[in-house]
C-alpha atoms as a PDB file:
ATOM      1  CA  UNK A   1       0.383   0.005   0.207  1.00  0.00           C
ATOM      2  CA  UNK A   2       1.362   3.699  -0.732  1.00  0.00           C
ATOM      3  CA  UNK A   3       1.957   5.846   1.420  1.00  0.00           C
ATOM      4  CA  UNK A   4      -0.841   8.254   2.442  1.00  0.00           C
ATOM      5  CA  UNK A   5      -0.307  12.100   1.772  1.00  0.00           C
ATOM      6  CA  UNK A   6      -2.090  14.633   3.562  1.00  0.00           C
ATOM      7  CA  UNK A   7      -2.424  18.429   2.691  1.00  0.00           C
ATOM      8  CA  UNK A   8      -2.755  20.474   5.194  1.00  0.00           C
ATOM      9  CA  UNK A   9      -3.881  24.435   4.614  1.00  0.00           C
ATOM     10  CA  UNK A  10      -3.647  27.100   6.857  1.00  0.00           C
ATOM     11  CA  UNK A  11      -2.102  30.206   5.059  1.00  0.00           C
ATOM     12  CA  UNK A  12      -1.889  32.486   7.735  1.00  0.00           C
ATOM     13  CA  UNK A  13      -1.583  34.056  10.696  1.00  0.00           C
ATOM     14  CA  UNK A  14       0.561  33.107  13.385  1.00  0.00           C
ATOM     15  CA  UNK A  15      -1.907  32.554  16.015  1.00  0.00           C
ATOM     16  CA  UNK A  16      -4.145  30.313  13.674  1.00  0.00           C
ATOM     17  CA  UNK A  17      -1.131  28.554  12.494  1.00  0.00           C
ATOM     18  CA  UNK A  18      -0.251  27.543  15.826  1.00  0.00           C
ATOM     19  CA  UNK A  19      -3.882  26.513  16.746  1.00  0.00           C
ATOM     20  CA  UNK A  20      -3.438  24.269  13.969  1.00  0.00           C
ATOM     21  CA  UNK A  21      -0.384  22.535  15.200  1.00  0.00           C
ATOM     22  CA  UNK A  22      -2.086  20.207  17.658  1.00  0.00           C
ATOM     23  CA  UNK A  23      -4.417  18.467  14.877  1.00  0.00           C
ATOM     24  CA  UNK A  24      -1.709  18.272  12.579  1.00  0.00           C
ATOM     25  CA  UNK A  25       0.449  16.179  15.431  1.00  0.00           C
ATOM     26  CA  UNK A  26      -2.815  14.435  15.834  1.00  0.00           C
ATOM     27  CA  UNK A  27      -2.990  13.226  12.368  1.00  0.00           C
ATOM     28  CA  UNK A  28       0.846  12.501  12.405  1.00  0.00           C
ATOM     29  CA  UNK A  29       0.395  10.260  15.623  1.00  0.00           C
ATOM     30  CA  UNK A  30      -2.062   8.270  14.126  1.00  0.00           C
ATOM     31  CA  UNK A  31      -0.632   7.751  10.631  1.00  0.00           C
ATOM     32  CA  UNK A  32       3.060   7.793  11.458  1.00  0.00           C
ATOM     33  CA  UNK A  33       3.714   6.579   7.710  1.00  0.00           C
ATOM     34  CA  UNK A  34       2.059   9.278   6.303  1.00  0.00           C
ATOM     35  CA  UNK A  35       3.128  12.351   4.584  1.00  0.00           C
ATOM     36  CA  UNK A  36       1.934  15.582   5.598  1.00  0.00           C
ATOM     37  CA  UNK A  37       2.687  18.516   3.489  1.00  0.00           C
ATOM     38  CA  UNK A  38       1.675  22.358   4.956  1.00  0.00           C
ATOM     39  CA  UNK A  39       0.570  25.107   2.441  1.00  0.00           C
ATOM     40  CA  UNK A  40       1.646  28.513   4.133  1.00  0.00           C
ATOM     41  CA  UNK A  41       2.135  31.602   3.098  1.00  0.00           C
ATOM     42  CA  UNK A  42       6.084  32.291   2.410  1.00  0.00           C
ATOM     43  CA  UNK A  43       6.209  34.746   5.542  1.00  0.00           C
ATOM     44  CA  UNK A  44       4.962  32.086   8.120  1.00  0.00           C
ATOM     45  CA  UNK A  45       6.877  29.199   6.717  1.00  0.00           C
ATOM     46  CA  UNK A  46       9.659  29.333   9.581  1.00  0.00           C
ATOM     47  CA  UNK A  47       7.003  28.555  12.080  1.00  0.00           C
ATOM     48  CA  UNK A  48       6.766  25.109  10.428  1.00  0.00           C
ATOM     49  CA  UNK A  49      10.651  24.235   9.732  1.00  0.00           C
ATOM     50  CA  UNK A  50      11.828  21.515  11.555  1.00  0.00           C
ATOM     51  CA  UNK A  51       7.940  20.646  12.754  1.00  0.00           C
ATOM     52  CA  UNK A  52       8.618  16.696  13.310  1.00  0.00           C
ATOM     53  CA  UNK A  53       4.900  16.120  11.717  1.00  0.00           C
ATOM     54  CA  UNK A  54       5.521  17.951   8.628  1.00  0.00           C
ATOM     55  CA  UNK A  55       7.339  16.674   5.962  1.00  0.00           C
ATOM     56  CA  UNK A  56       7.302  19.417   3.279  1.00  0.00           C
ATOM     57  CA  UNK A  57       6.478  22.998   3.787  1.00  0.00           C
ATOM     58  CA  UNK A  58       4.860  24.395   0.417  1.00  0.00           C
ATOM     59  CA  UNK A  59       5.621  28.114   0.466  1.00  0.00           C
ATOM     60  CA  UNK A  60       3.200  30.335  -1.168  1.00  0.00           C
ATOM     61  CA  UNK A  61       3.350  33.975  -1.738  1.00  0.00           C
ATOM     62  CA  UNK A  62      -0.559  34.508  -2.136  1.00  0.00           C
ATOM     63  CA  UNK A  63       0.202  38.270  -0.747  1.00  0.00           C
ATOM     64  CA  UNK A  64       3.100  38.911  -3.099  1.00  0.00           C
ATOM     65  CA  UNK A  65       1.288  37.615  -6.136  1.00  0.00           C
ATOM     66  CA  UNK A  66      -1.348  40.113  -5.635  1.00  0.00           C
ATOM     67  CA  UNK A  67       0.713  43.127  -5.268  1.00  0.00           C
ATOM     68  CA  UNK A  68       2.452  42.161  -8.626  1.00  0.00           C
ATOM     69  CA  UNK A  69      -0.918  40.450 -10.299  1.00  0.00           C
ATOM     70  CA  UNK A  70      -0.008  41.500 -13.930  1.00  0.00           C
ATOM     71  CA  UNK A  71       4.030  40.374 -13.431  1.00  0.00           C
ATOM     72  CA  UNK A  72       5.136  37.696 -15.810  1.00  0.00           C
ATOM     73  CA  UNK A  73       7.131  36.170 -12.871  1.00  0.00           C
ATOM     74  CA  UNK A  74       3.809  36.168 -10.788  1.00  0.00           C
ATOM     75  CA  UNK A  75       2.067  34.229 -13.196  1.00  0.00           C
ATOM     76  CA  UNK A  76       4.924  31.933 -13.625  1.00  0.00           C
ATOM     77  CA  UNK A  77       5.237  31.578  -9.927  1.00  0.00           C
ATOM     78  CA  UNK A  78       1.410  30.920  -9.618  1.00  0.00           C
ATOM     79  CA  UNK A  79       1.572  27.875 -12.451  1.00  0.00           C
ATOM     80  CA  UNK A  80       4.336  26.210 -10.717  1.00  0.00           C
ATOM     81  CA  UNK A  81       2.841  26.029  -7.509  1.00  0.00           C
ATOM     82  CA  UNK A  82      -0.485  24.904  -9.006  1.00  0.00           C
ATOM     83  CA  UNK A  83       1.301  22.125 -10.949  1.00  0.00           C
ATOM     84  CA  UNK A  84       3.202  21.135  -7.752  1.00  0.00           C
ATOM     85  CA  UNK A  85      -0.010  20.865  -6.034  1.00  0.00           C
ATOM     86  CA  UNK A  86      -1.363  18.841  -8.811  1.00  0.00           C
ATOM     87  CA  UNK A  87       1.340  16.578  -9.290  1.00  0.00           C
ATOM     88  CA  UNK A  88       1.549  15.555  -5.483  1.00  0.00           C
ATOM     89  CA  UNK A  89      -1.086  12.927  -5.477  1.00  0.00           C
ATOM     90  CA  UNK A  90      -2.583  14.109  -1.997  1.00  0.00           C
ATOM     91  CA  UNK A  91      -5.089  11.569  -0.702  1.00  0.00           C
ATOM     92  CA  UNK A  92      -6.623  14.205   1.395  1.00  0.00           C
ATOM     93  CA  UNK A  93      -6.549  17.939   1.709  1.00  0.00           C
ATOM     94  CA  UNK A  94      -7.712  19.707   4.968  1.00  0.00           C
ATOM     95  CA  UNK A  95      -8.539  23.142   4.808  1.00  0.00           C
ATOM     96  CA  UNK A  96      -8.222  25.018   8.473  1.00  0.00           C
ATOM     97  CA  UNK A  97      -8.874  28.333   6.928  1.00  0.00           C
ATOM     98  CA  UNK A  98     -12.277  28.304   5.554  1.00  0.00           C
ATOM     99  CA  UNK A  99     -11.527  30.785   2.773  1.00  0.00           C
ATOM    100  CA  UNK A 100     -12.340  30.560  -0.970  1.00  0.00           C
ATOM    101  CA  UNK A 101      -8.383  30.780  -1.969  1.00  0.00           C
ATOM    102  CA  UNK A 102      -7.583  28.138   0.612  1.00  0.00           C
ATOM    103  CA  UNK A 103     -10.347  25.875  -0.641  1.00  0.00           C
ATOM    104  CA  UNK A 104      -9.371  26.469  -4.212  1.00  0.00           C
ATOM    105  CA  UNK A 105      -5.947  25.120  -3.038  1.00  0.00           C
ATOM    106  CA  UNK A 106      -7.576  22.079  -1.804  1.00  0.00           C
ATOM    107  CA  UNK A 107      -9.294  21.573  -4.885  1.00  0.00           C
ATOM    108  CA  UNK A 108      -6.493  22.387  -7.000  1.00  0.00           C
ATOM    109  CA  UNK A 109      -4.409  19.570  -5.073  1.00  0.00           C
ATOM    110  CA  UNK A 110      -6.754  16.839  -6.728  1.00  0.00           C
ATOM    111  CA  UNK A 111      -6.885  15.346  -3.325  1.00  0.00           C
ATOM    112  CA  UNK A 112      -9.587  12.419  -3.467  1.00  0.00           C
ATOM    113  CA  UNK A 113     -11.025  13.738   0.035  1.00  0.00           C
ATOM    114  CA  UNK A 114     -11.160  17.604   0.647  1.00  0.00           C
ATOM    115  CA  UNK A 115     -11.983  18.164   4.210  1.00  0.00           C
ATOM    116  CA  UNK A 116     -13.253  21.810   5.578  1.00  0.00           C
ATOM    117  CA  UNK A 117     -15.839  23.525   7.669  1.00  0.00           C
ATOM    118  CA  UNK A 118     -19.404  24.278   7.412  1.00  0.00           C
ATOM    119  CA  UNK A 119     -21.133  27.611   9.083  1.00  0.00           C
ATOM    120  CA  UNK A 120     -20.096  28.961  11.161  1.00  0.00           C
ATOM    121  CA  UNK A 121     -16.227  28.101  11.272  1.00  0.00           C
ATOM    122  CA  UNK A 122     -16.592  28.740   7.141  1.00  0.00           C
ATOM    123  CA  UNK A 123     -15.439  32.140   6.683  1.00  0.00           C
ATOM    124  CA  UNK A 124     -16.688  32.283   3.144  1.00  0.00           C
ATOM    125  CA  UNK A 125     -19.458  30.307   2.041  1.00  0.00           C
ATOM    126  CA  UNK A 126     -18.518  29.835  -1.509  1.00  0.00           C
ATOM    127  CA  UNK A 127     -15.221  27.558   0.179  1.00  0.00           C
ATOM    128  CA  UNK A 128     -18.030  24.965   0.893  1.00  0.00           C
ATOM    129  CA  UNK A 129     -18.337  24.222  -3.023  1.00  0.00           C
ATOM    130  CA  UNK A 130     -14.578  22.969  -3.152  1.00  0.00           C
ATOM    131  CA  UNK A 131     -14.965  20.405  -0.108  1.00  0.00           C
ATOM    132  CA  UNK A 132     -16.038  16.741  -0.413  1.00  0.00           C
ATOM    133  CA  UNK A 133     -16.865  16.434   3.226  1.00  0.00           C
ATOM    134  CA  UNK A 134     -17.664  19.325   5.556  1.00  0.00           C
ATOM    135  CA  UNK A 135     -17.569  19.506   9.418  1.00  0.00           C
ATOM    136  CA  UNK A 136     -19.824  21.379  11.367  1.00  0.00           C
ATOM    137  CA  UNK A 137     -19.602  23.574  14.639  1.00  0.00           C
ATOM    138  CA  UNK A 138     -19.525  21.132  17.525  1.00  0.00           C
ATOM    139  CA  UNK A 139     -20.694  23.755  20.004  1.00  0.00           C
ATOM    140  CA  UNK A 140     -19.018  26.328  22.153  1.00  0.00           C
ATOM    141  CA  UNK A 141     -15.514  24.928  21.989  1.00  0.00           C
ATOM    142  CA  UNK A 142     -12.070  26.092  21.680  1.00  0.00           C
ATOM    143  CA  UNK A 143     -10.658  26.530  18.121  1.00  0.00           C
ATOM    144  CA  UNK A 144      -8.109  23.966  18.595  1.00  0.00           C
ATOM    145  CA  UNK A 145     -11.014  21.644  19.265  1.00  0.00           C
ATOM    146  CA  UNK A 146     -12.444  22.716  16.152  1.00  0.00           C
ATOM    147  CA  UNK A 147      -9.439  22.121  14.222  1.00  0.00           C
ATOM    148  CA  UNK A 148      -9.127  18.276  15.639  1.00  0.00           C
ATOM    149  CA  UNK A 149     -12.804  17.520  14.433  1.00  0.00           C
ATOM    150  CA  UNK A 150     -11.576  17.914  10.986  1.00  0.00           C
ATOM    151  CA  UNK A 151      -9.023  15.392  11.053  1.00  0.00           C
ATOM    152  CA  UNK A 152     -11.381  13.133  13.484  1.00  0.00           C
ATOM    153  CA  UNK A 153     -13.234  12.983   9.719  1.00  0.00           C
ATOM    154  CA  UNK A 154     -10.113  11.390   8.364  1.00  0.00           C
ATOM    155  CA  UNK A 155     -10.174   8.876  11.297  1.00  0.00           C
ATOM    156  CA  UNK A 156      -7.174  10.703  13.312  1.00  0.00           C
ATOM    157  CA  UNK A 157      -7.238  10.206  17.298  1.00  0.00           C
ATOM    158  CA  UNK A 158      -7.880  13.379  18.862  1.00  0.00           C
ATOM    159  CA  UNK A 159      -6.087  13.551  22.266  1.00  0.00           C
ATOM    160  CA  UNK A 160      -7.194  15.190  25.631  1.00  0.00           C
ATOM    161  CA  UNK A 161      -6.347  18.916  26.096  1.00  0.00           C
ATOM    162  CA  UNK A 162      -3.256  18.085  28.195  1.00  0.00           C
ATOM    163  CA  UNK A 163      -1.815  16.243  25.433  1.00  0.00           C
ATOM    164  CA  UNK A 164      -2.276  18.609  22.535  1.00  0.00           C
ATOM    165  CA  UNK A 165       1.358  18.874  20.862  1.00  0.00           C
ATOM    166  CA  UNK A 166       2.590  22.581  19.728  1.00  0.00           C
ATOM    167  CA  UNK A 167       5.576  21.513  18.073  1.00  0.00           C
ATOM    168  CA  UNK A 168       7.581  24.926  17.669  1.00  0.00           C
ATOM    169  CA  UNK A 169      10.906  25.675  16.058  1.00  0.00           C
ATOM    170  CA  UNK A 170      13.779  26.919  17.918  1.00  0.00           C
ATOM    171  CA  UNK A 171      17.499  27.342  17.096  1.00  0.00           C
ATOM    172  CA  UNK A 172      20.634  28.651  19.058  1.00  0.00           C
ATOM    173  CA  UNK A 173      20.272  31.874  17.481  1.00  0.00           C
ATOM    174  CA  UNK A 174      16.809  32.773  18.731  1.00  0.00           C
ATOM    175  CA  UNK A 175      17.687  31.195  21.975  1.00  0.00           C
ATOM    176  CA  UNK A 176      20.899  33.286  22.324  1.00  0.00           C
ATOM    177  CA  UNK A 177      18.555  36.449  21.815  1.00  0.00           C
ATOM    178  CA  UNK A 178      15.981  35.289  24.067  1.00  0.00           C
ATOM    179  CA  UNK A 179      18.976  34.699  26.961  1.00  0.00           C
ATOM    180  CA  UNK A 180      20.015  38.209  26.101  1.00  0.00           C
ATOM    181  CA  UNK A 181      17.061  39.950  26.506  1.00  0.00           C
ATOM    182  CA  UNK A 182      16.260  38.114  29.700  1.00  0.00           C
ATOM    183  CA  UNK A 183      19.621  39.070  31.323  1.00  0.00           C
ATOM    184  CA  UNK A 184      18.967  42.544  30.418  1.00  0.00           C
ATOM    185  CA  UNK A 185      15.857  42.596  32.602  1.00  0.00           C
END
């Protein structure tokens, strides 16, 4: 049997990406042999570098693309990203963002299963047209629990809140900077 391939789509922003980490960890823990790819805005990619559950970070510069909409280089970059998505043979795409653009990325991936939110967590209603499965709000819960509900739809096991994982990168340069700032207090 071929290795399962999942595409996670959470393009931005910092807090929302952090709130998605436990769902991706649950997916990775449930399917340890799976390959998990994450589509994210280029400016937030560093948050995912070195994440033990993420095998590939797909950097998309949608903000830059909108700023240089008529540029030939932008068109080339957009097409290259579309072809990379299309050629990756994803089994499932999970859209944690709920926007038209993130749902379109899920559709362009050609994933057999495309999981996203339904109302009220769906931020743009047109996005629902691109999903094969929609997950509704489960009551007044934390956003991490709503995100976990998306991967539960793919049979991932959801941990208790005390066991949520938030694998964030750190490196010697950043550690030294923090130590320096704390020493100055």
